PDB file of N, CA and C in Angstrom:
ATOM      1  N   MET A   1      -7.535  -2.110  -2.105  1.00  0.00           N
ATOM      2  CA  MET A   1      -6.821  -0.911  -2.692  1.00  0.00           C
ATOM      3  C   MET A   1      -6.546   0.288  -1.580  1.00  0.00           C
ATOM      4  N   ASN A   2      -5.537   0.921  -1.623  1.00  0.00           N
ATOM      5  CA  ASN A   2      -5.130   1.901  -0.605  1.00  0.00           C
ATOM      6  C   ASN A   2      -4.653   3.043  -1.407  1.00  0.00           C
ATOM      7  N   ALA A   3      -5.390   4.186  -1.119  1.00  0.00           N
ATOM      8  CA  ALA A   3      -4.933   5.363  -1.759  1.00  0.00           C
ATOM      9  C   ALA A   3      -4.549   6.341  -0.556  1.00  0.00           C
ATOM     10  N   GLU A   4      -3.367   7.083  -0.794  1.00  0.00           N
ATOM     11  CA  GLU A   4      -2.920   7.814   0.283  1.00  0.00           C
ATOM     12  C   GLU A   4      -3.542   9.158   0.010  1.00  0.00           C
ATOM     13  N   LYS A   5      -3.712  10.053   1.200  1.00  0.00           N
ATOM     14  CA  LYS A   5      -4.395  11.298   1.053  1.00  0.00           C
ATOM     15  C   LYS A   5      -3.633  12.128   0.201  1.00  0.00           C
ATOM     16  N   PHE A   6      -4.561  12.730  -0.633  1.00  0.00           N
ATOM     17  CA  PHE A   6      -3.923  13.858  -1.586  1.00  0.00           C
ATOM     18  C   PHE A   6      -4.734  15.088  -1.628  1.00  0.00           C
ATOM     19  N   LYS A   7      -4.345  16.091  -2.224  1.00  0.00           N
ATOM     20  CA  LYS A   7      -5.343  17.220  -2.523  1.00  0.00           C
ATOM     21  C   LYS A   7      -5.249  17.446  -3.990  1.00  0.00           C
ATOM     22  N   LEU A   8      -6.200  17.882  -4.485  1.00  0.00           N
ATOM     23  CA  LEU A   8      -6.378  18.358  -6.031  1.00  0.00           C
ATOM     24  C   LEU A   8      -5.060  19.060  -6.622  1.00  0.00           C
ATOM     25  N   GLY A   9      -4.485  18.800  -7.638  1.00  0.00           N
ATOM     26  CA  GLY A   9      -3.215  19.398  -7.974  1.00  0.00           C
ATOM     27  C   GLY A   9      -1.999  18.572  -7.759  1.00  0.00           C
ATOM     28  N   GLN A  10      -2.167  17.568  -6.934  1.00  0.00           N
ATOM     29  CA  GLN A  10      -1.136  16.725  -6.712  1.00  0.00           C
ATOM     30  C   GLN A  10      -1.076  15.363  -7.483  1.00  0.00           C
ATOM     31  N   VAL A  11      -0.235  14.675  -7.147  1.00  0.00           N
ATOM     32  CA  VAL A  11      -0.147  13.128  -7.815  1.00  0.00           C
ATOM     33  C   VAL A  11      -0.723  12.175  -6.569  1.00  0.00           C
ATOM     34  N   ALA A  12      -1.852  11.604  -6.938  1.00  0.00           N
ATOM     35  CA  ALA A  12      -2.388  10.583  -6.191  1.00  0.00           C
ATOM     36  C   ALA A  12      -1.880   9.189  -6.255  1.00  0.00           C
ATOM     37  N   LYS A  13      -1.498   8.438  -5.387  1.00  0.00           N
ATOM     38  CA  LYS A  13      -0.825   7.235  -5.673  1.00  0.00           C
ATOM     39  C   LYS A  13      -1.989   6.210  -5.119  1.00  0.00           C
ATOM     40  N   PHE A  14      -2.048   5.117  -5.714  1.00  0.00           N
ATOM     41  CA  PHE A  14      -3.047   3.982  -5.397  1.00  0.00           C
ATOM     42  C   PHE A  14      -2.214   2.710  -5.309  1.00  0.00           C
ATOM     43  N   ASP A  15      -2.343   2.083  -4.224  1.00  0.00           N
ATOM     44  CA  ASP A  15      -1.516   0.913  -4.155  1.00  0.00           C
ATOM     45  C   ASP A  15      -2.367  -0.289  -3.902  1.00  0.00           C
ATOM     46  N   VAL A  16      -2.260  -1.378  -4.786  1.00  0.00           N
ATOM     47  CA  VAL A  16      -3.169  -2.607  -4.656  1.00  0.00           C
ATOM     48  C   VAL A  16      -2.297  -3.673  -4.501  1.00  0.00           C
ATOM     49  N   LEU A  17      -2.723  -4.436  -3.289  1.00  0.00           N
ATOM     50  CA  LEU A  17      -1.999  -5.649  -2.776  1.00  0.00           C
ATOM     51  C   LEU A  17      -2.416  -6.747  -3.721  1.00  0.00           C
ATOM     52  N   ILE A  18      -1.551  -7.458  -4.198  1.00  0.00           N
ATOM     53  CA  ILE A  18      -1.924  -8.746  -5.180  1.00  0.00           C
ATOM     54  C   ILE A  18      -0.967  -9.746  -4.518  1.00  0.00           C
ATOM     55  N   GLU A  19      -1.784 -11.046  -4.625  1.00  0.00           N
ATOM     56  CA  GLU A  19      -1.336 -12.301  -3.898  1.00  0.00           C
ATOM     57  C   GLU A  19      -1.259 -13.526  -4.925  1.00  0.00           C
ATOM     58  N   ASN A  20      -0.077 -14.143  -4.829  1.00  0.00           N
ATOM     59  CA  ASN A  20       0.150 -15.164  -5.768  1.00  0.00           C
ATOM     60  C   ASN A  20      -0.239 -16.530  -4.815  1.00  0.00           C
ATOM     61  N   GLN A  21      -1.218 -17.317  -5.221  1.00  0.00           N
ATOM     62  CA  GLN A  21      -1.706 -18.540  -4.410  1.00  0.00           C
ATOM     63  C   GLN A  21      -0.744 -19.685  -4.936  1.00  0.00           C
ATOM     64  N   TRP A  22      -0.220 -19.606  -6.167  1.00  0.00           N
ATOM     65  CA  TRP A  22       0.592 -20.770  -6.791  1.00  0.00           C
ATOM     66  C   TRP A  22       1.918 -21.059  -6.079  1.00  0.00           C
ATOM     67  N   ASN A  23       2.323 -22.165  -6.274  1.00  0.00           N
ATOM     68  CA  ASN A  23       3.828 -22.461  -5.750  1.00  0.00           C
ATOM     69  C   ASN A  23       4.881 -21.757  -6.654  1.00  0.00           C
ATOM     70  N   ASP A  24       4.622 -21.623  -7.855  1.00  0.00           N
ATOM     71  CA  ASP A  24       5.659 -21.060  -8.823  1.00  0.00           C
ATOM     72  C   ASP A  24       5.293 -19.396  -8.942  1.00  0.00           C
ATOM     73  N   ALA A  25       6.539 -18.823  -9.170  1.00  0.00           N
ATOM     74  CA  ALA A  25       6.404 -17.381  -9.256  1.00  0.00           C
ATOM     75  C   ALA A  25       5.685 -16.983 -10.755  1.00  0.00           C
ATOM     76  N   ILE A  26       4.924 -15.885 -10.519  1.00  0.00           N
ATOM     77  CA  ILE A  26       4.343 -15.371 -11.641  1.00  0.00           C
ATOM     78  C   ILE A  26       5.143 -13.994 -11.983  1.00  0.00           C
ATOM     79  N   ASN A  27       5.624 -13.757 -13.276  1.00  0.00           N
ATOM     80  CA  ASN A  27       6.450 -12.712 -13.454  1.00  0.00           C
ATOM     81  C   ASN A  27       5.591 -11.701 -14.437  1.00  0.00           C
ATOM     82  N   ASP A  28       6.007 -10.460 -14.440  1.00  0.00           N
ATOM     83  CA  ASP A  28       5.489  -9.445 -15.288  1.00  0.00           C
ATOM     84  C   ASP A  28       4.016  -9.225 -15.056  1.00  0.00           C
ATOM     85  N   VAL A  29       3.508  -9.212 -13.760  1.00  0.00           N
ATOM     86  CA  VAL A  29       2.068  -8.893 -13.542  1.00  0.00           C
ATOM     87  C   VAL A  29       1.865  -7.594 -13.446  1.00  0.00           C
ATOM     88  N   TYR A  30       0.964  -7.011 -14.075  1.00  0.00           N
ATOM     89  CA  TYR A  30       0.490  -5.560 -13.894  1.00  0.00           C
ATOM     90  C   TYR A  30      -0.997  -5.662 -13.834  1.00  0.00           C
ATOM     91  N   GLY A  31      -1.403  -4.317 -13.322  1.00  0.00           N
ATOM     92  CA  GLY A  31      -2.826  -3.923 -13.324  1.00  0.00           C
ATOM     93  C   GLY A  31      -3.306  -2.981 -14.356  1.00  0.00           C
ATOM     94  N   GLU A  32      -4.589  -2.794 -14.375  1.00  0.00           N
ATOM     95  CA  GLU A  32      -5.276  -1.744 -15.297  1.00  0.00           C
ATOM     96  C   GLU A  32      -6.282  -0.909 -14.415  1.00  0.00           C
ATOM     97  N   MET A  33      -6.145   0.277 -14.455  1.00  0.00           N
ATOM     98  CA  MET A  33      -7.136   0.923 -13.669  1.00  0.00           C
ATOM     99  C   MET A  33      -7.749   2.123 -14.637  1.00  0.00           C
ATOM    100  N   LYS A  34      -9.078   2.130 -14.329  1.00  0.00           N
ATOM    101  CA  LYS A  34      -9.948   3.075 -15.040  1.00  0.00           C
ATOM    102  C   LYS A  34     -10.544   4.088 -14.173  1.00  0.00           C
ATOM    103  N   ILE A  35     -10.662   5.302 -14.359  1.00  0.00           N
ATOM    104  CA  ILE A  35     -11.258   6.384 -13.582  1.00  0.00           C
ATOM    105  C   ILE A  35     -12.357   7.059 -14.299  1.00  0.00           C
ATOM    106  N   MET A  36     -13.575   6.931 -13.696  1.00  0.00           N
ATOM    107  CA  MET A  36     -14.722   7.409 -14.219  1.00  0.00           C
ATOM    108  C   MET A  36     -15.231   8.653 -13.380  1.00  0.00           C
ATOM    109  N   ASP A  37     -16.108   9.407 -14.149  1.00  0.00           N
ATOM    110  CA  ASP A  37     -16.739  10.546 -13.389  1.00  0.00           C
ATOM    111  C   ASP A  37     -17.983  10.014 -13.143  1.00  0.00           C
ATOM    112  N   GLU A  38     -18.892  10.890 -12.310  1.00  0.00           N
ATOM    113  CA  GLU A  38     -20.171  10.541 -11.827  1.00  0.00           C
ATOM    114  C   GLU A  38     -21.015  10.200 -12.958  1.00  0.00           C
ATOM    115  N   GLY A  39     -20.906  10.624 -14.088  1.00  0.00           N
ATOM    116  CA  GLY A  39     -21.814  10.346 -15.270  1.00  0.00           C
ATOM    117  C   GLY A  39     -21.310   9.090 -16.083  1.00  0.00           C
ATOM    118  N   ASN A  40     -20.342   8.354 -15.147  1.00  0.00           N
ATOM    119  CA  ASN A  40     -19.705   7.040 -15.849  1.00  0.00           C
ATOM    120  C   ASN A  40     -19.010   7.336 -17.240  1.00  0.00           C
ATOM    121  N   GLN A  41     -18.485   8.504 -17.214  1.00  0.00           N
ATOM    122  CA  GLN A  41     -17.647   8.753 -18.483  1.00  0.00           C
ATOM    123  C   GLN A  41     -16.003   8.429 -18.111  1.00  0.00           C
ATOM    124  N   LEU A  42     -15.374   7.851 -18.986  1.00  0.00           N
ATOM    125  CA  LEU A  42     -14.000   7.616 -18.739  1.00  0.00           C
ATOM    126  C   LEU A  42     -13.287   8.575 -18.619  1.00  0.00           C
ATOM    127  N   ILE A  43     -12.477   8.972 -17.563  1.00  0.00           N
ATOM    128  CA  ILE A  43     -11.744  10.223 -17.397  1.00  0.00           C
ATOM    129  C   ILE A  43     -10.163   9.842 -17.724  1.00  0.00           C
ATOM    130  N   LEU A  44      -9.939   8.648 -17.359  1.00  0.00           N
ATOM    131  CA  LEU A  44      -8.395   8.208 -17.395  1.00  0.00           C
ATOM    132  C   LEU A  44      -8.318   6.506 -17.296  1.00  0.00           C
ATOM    133  N   SER A  45      -7.387   5.958 -18.235  1.00  0.00           N
ATOM    134  CA  SER A  45      -7.180   4.627 -18.168  1.00  0.00           C
ATOM    135  C   SER A  45      -5.677   4.605 -18.087  1.00  0.00           C
ATOM    136  N   MET A  46      -5.309   3.480 -17.238  1.00  0.00           N
ATOM    137  CA  MET A  46      -3.773   3.532 -17.069  1.00  0.00           C
ATOM    138  C   MET A  46      -3.337   2.181 -16.633  1.00  0.00           C
ATOM    139  N   LYS A  47      -2.070   1.679 -17.019  1.00  0.00           N
ATOM    140  CA  LYS A  47      -1.540   0.533 -16.459  1.00  0.00           C
ATOM    141  C   LYS A  47      -0.505   0.805 -15.426  1.00  0.00           C
ATOM    142  N   SER A  48      -0.361  -0.194 -14.578  1.00  0.00           N
ATOM    143  CA  SER A  48       0.734   0.016 -13.662  1.00  0.00           C
ATOM    144  C   SER A  48       2.033  -0.532 -14.220  1.00  0.00           C
ATOM    145  N   LEU A  49       3.394  -0.378 -13.749  1.00  0.00           N
ATOM    146  CA  LEU A  49       4.429  -1.153 -14.095  1.00  0.00           C
ATOM    147  C   LEU A  49       4.252  -2.515 -13.625  1.00  0.00           C
ATOM    148  N   PRO A  50       5.012  -3.282 -14.312  1.00  0.00           N
ATOM    149  CA  PRO A  50       4.944  -4.888 -13.921  1.00  0.00           C
ATOM    150  C   PRO A  50       5.759  -5.177 -12.897  1.00  0.00           C
ATOM    151  N   VAL A  51       5.339  -6.092 -12.033  1.00  0.00           N
ATOM    152  CA  VAL A  51       6.138  -6.537 -10.933  1.00  0.00           C
ATOM    153  C   VAL A  51       6.103  -8.158 -11.057  1.00  0.00           C
ATOM    154  N   ASN A  52       6.942  -8.810 -10.341  1.00  0.00           N
ATOM    155  CA  ASN A  52       7.164 -10.097 -10.177  1.00  0.00           C
ATOM    156  C   ASN A  52       6.562 -10.651  -8.899  1.00  0.00           C
ATOM    157  N   VAL A  53       5.971 -11.678  -8.760  1.00  0.00           N
ATOM    158  CA  VAL A  53       5.387 -12.126  -7.484  1.00  0.00           C
ATOM    159  C   VAL A  53       5.729 -13.575  -7.397  1.00  0.00           C
ATOM    160  N   PRO A  54       6.670 -13.782  -6.288  1.00  0.00           N
ATOM    161  CA  PRO A  54       7.177 -15.202  -6.133  1.00  0.00           C
ATOM    162  C   PRO A  54       6.110 -16.043  -5.630  1.00  0.00           C
ATOM    163  N   GLY A  55       6.146 -17.325  -5.702  1.00  0.00           N
ATOM    164  CA  GLY A  55       5.188 -18.222  -5.056  1.00  0.00           C
ATOM    165  C   GLY A  55       4.663 -18.251  -3.848  1.00  0.00           C
ATOM    166  N   ARG A  56       3.459 -18.182  -3.672  1.00  0.00           N
ATOM    167  CA  ARG A  56       3.038 -18.001  -2.300  1.00  0.00           C
ATOM    168  C   ARG A  56       3.438 -16.791  -1.465  1.00  0.00           C
ATOM    169  N   SER A  57       3.386 -15.639  -2.275  1.00  0.00           N
ATOM    170  CA  SER A  57       3.555 -14.350  -1.617  1.00  0.00           C
ATOM    171  C   SER A  57       2.744 -13.398  -2.164  1.00  0.00           C
ATOM    172  N   GLN A  58       3.044 -12.168  -1.682  1.00  0.00           N
ATOM    173  CA  GLN A  58       2.192 -10.861  -2.074  1.00  0.00           C
ATOM    174  C   GLN A  58       3.313  -9.917  -2.685  1.00  0.00           C
ATOM    175  N   ASN A  59       2.606  -8.943  -3.442  1.00  0.00           N
ATOM    176  CA  ASN A  59       3.521  -7.596  -3.854  1.00  0.00           C
ATOM    177  C   ASN A  59       2.476  -6.634  -3.983  1.00  0.00           C
ATOM    178  N   VAL A  60       2.850  -5.485  -4.332  1.00  0.00           N
ATOM    179  CA  VAL A  60       1.920  -4.333  -4.523  1.00  0.00           C
ATOM    180  C   VAL A  60       2.203  -3.738  -6.020  1.00  0.00           C
ATOM    181  N   ILE A  61       1.292  -3.538  -6.544  1.00  0.00           N
ATOM    182  CA  ILE A  61       1.266  -2.676  -7.650  1.00  0.00           C
ATOM    183  C   ILE A  61       0.639  -1.293  -7.644  1.00  0.00           C
ATOM    184  N   SER A  62       1.340  -0.347  -8.043  1.00  0.00           N
ATOM    185  CA  SER A  62       0.909   1.196  -7.659  1.00  0.00           C
ATOM    186  C   SER A  62       0.579   1.665  -9.095  1.00  0.00           C
ATOM    187  N   PHE A  63      -0.441   2.672  -8.828  1.00  0.00           N
ATOM    188  CA  PHE A  63      -0.779   3.689 -10.074  1.00  0.00           C
ATOM    189  C   PHE A  63      -0.916   4.961  -9.476  1.00  0.00           C
ATOM    190  N   TYR A  64      -0.444   5.922 -10.296  1.00  0.00           N
ATOM    191  CA  TYR A  64      -0.207   7.244 -10.013  1.00  0.00           C
ATOM    192  C   TYR A  64      -1.123   8.174 -11.078  1.00  0.00           C
ATOM    193  N   TRP A  65      -1.952   9.070 -10.461  1.00  0.00           N
ATOM    194  CA  TRP A  65      -2.934   9.933 -11.062  1.00  0.00           C
ATOM    195  C   TRP A  65      -2.554  11.319 -10.785  1.00  0.00           C
ATOM    196  N   ASP A  66      -2.034  12.035 -11.900  1.00  0.00           N
ATOM    197  CA  ASP A  66      -1.753  13.393 -11.617  1.00  0.00           C
ATOM    198  C   ASP A  66      -3.289  14.338 -11.839  1.00  0.00           C
ATOM    199  N   THR A  67      -3.477  14.849 -10.656  1.00  0.00           N
ATOM    200  CA  THR A  67      -4.753  15.547 -10.475  1.00  0.00           C
ATOM    201  C   THR A  67      -4.728  16.700 -10.878  1.00  0.00           C
ATOM    202  N   GLY A  68      -3.681  17.439 -11.461  1.00  0.00           N
ATOM    203  CA  GLY A  68      -3.362  18.877 -11.791  1.00  0.00           C
ATOM    204  C   GLY A  68      -4.500  19.527 -12.677  1.00  0.00           C
ATOM    205  N   ASN A  69      -5.244  18.968 -13.220  1.00  0.00           N
ATOM    206  CA  ASN A  69      -6.317  19.499 -14.132  1.00  0.00           C
ATOM    207  C   ASN A  69      -7.538  18.795 -13.847  1.00  0.00           C
ATOM    208  N   VAL A  70      -7.902  18.289 -12.576  1.00  0.00           N
ATOM    209  CA  VAL A  70      -9.016  17.604 -12.316  1.00  0.00           C
ATOM    210  C   VAL A  70     -10.086  18.285 -11.487  1.00  0.00           C
ATOM    211  N   LYS A  71     -10.992  18.495 -11.805  1.00  0.00           N
ATOM    212  CA  LYS A  71     -12.107  19.287 -11.012  1.00  0.00           C
ATOM    213  C   LYS A  71     -12.554  18.519  -9.863  1.00  0.00           C
ATOM    214  N   GLU A  72     -12.875  19.198  -8.635  1.00  0.00           N
ATOM    215  CA  GLU A  72     -13.525  18.664  -7.536  1.00  0.00           C
ATOM    216  C   GLU A  72     -14.882  17.909  -7.819  1.00  0.00           C
ATOM    217  N   GLY A  73     -14.861  16.751  -7.262  1.00  0.00           N
ATOM    218  CA  GLY A  73     -15.970  15.908  -7.668  1.00  0.00           C
ATOM    219  C   GLY A  73     -15.865  14.489  -7.047  1.00  0.00           C
ATOM    220  N   ARG A  74     -16.816  13.708  -7.484  1.00  0.00           N
ATOM    221  CA  ARG A  74     -16.768  12.166  -7.237  1.00  0.00           C
ATOM    222  C   ARG A  74     -16.178  11.284  -8.319  1.00  0.00           C
ATOM    223  N   TYR A  75     -15.428  10.203  -8.153  1.00  0.00           N
ATOM    224  CA  TYR A  75     -14.622   9.647  -9.166  1.00  0.00           C
ATOM    225  C   TYR A  75     -14.861   8.255  -8.706  1.00  0.00           C
ATOM    226  N   ILE A  76     -14.943   7.390  -9.686  1.00  0.00           N
ATOM    227  CA  ILE A  76     -14.861   6.070  -9.506  1.00  0.00           C
ATOM    228  C   ILE A  76     -14.062   5.141 -10.137  1.00  0.00           C
ATOM    229  N   THR A  77     -13.139   4.251  -9.379  1.00  0.00           N
ATOM    230  CA  THR A  77     -11.922   3.581  -9.832  1.00  0.00           C
ATOM    231  C   THR A  77     -12.480   2.190 -10.037  1.00  0.00           C
ATOM    232  N   TYR A  78     -12.052   1.536 -11.137  1.00  0.00           N
ATOM    233  CA  TYR A  78     -11.961   0.322 -11.489  1.00  0.00           C
ATOM    234  C   TYR A  78     -10.821  -0.588 -11.702  1.00  0.00           C
ATOM    235  N   ILE A  79     -10.440  -1.606 -11.020  1.00  0.00           N
ATOM    236  CA  ILE A  79      -9.237  -2.182 -11.463  1.00  0.00           C
ATOM    237  C   ILE A  79      -9.435  -3.589 -11.840  1.00  0.00           C
TER     238      ILE A  79
END
């Protein structure tokens, strides 16, 4: 996963590279991401938009987190 640099109050973008190792295309692939605080409390759960991944190729799914009301601290992401 790759996250661009951002400041609190902005929208954070997370990109996840996915790979299809099958010969056939896989359509409507999406990801789910959970963001937890340091106390392991769920802050946010979201799904990416679906993408198609042709056979033997890669694609990127993206997640967007609006940090407008987020306090400074450490957060854990699960995909």
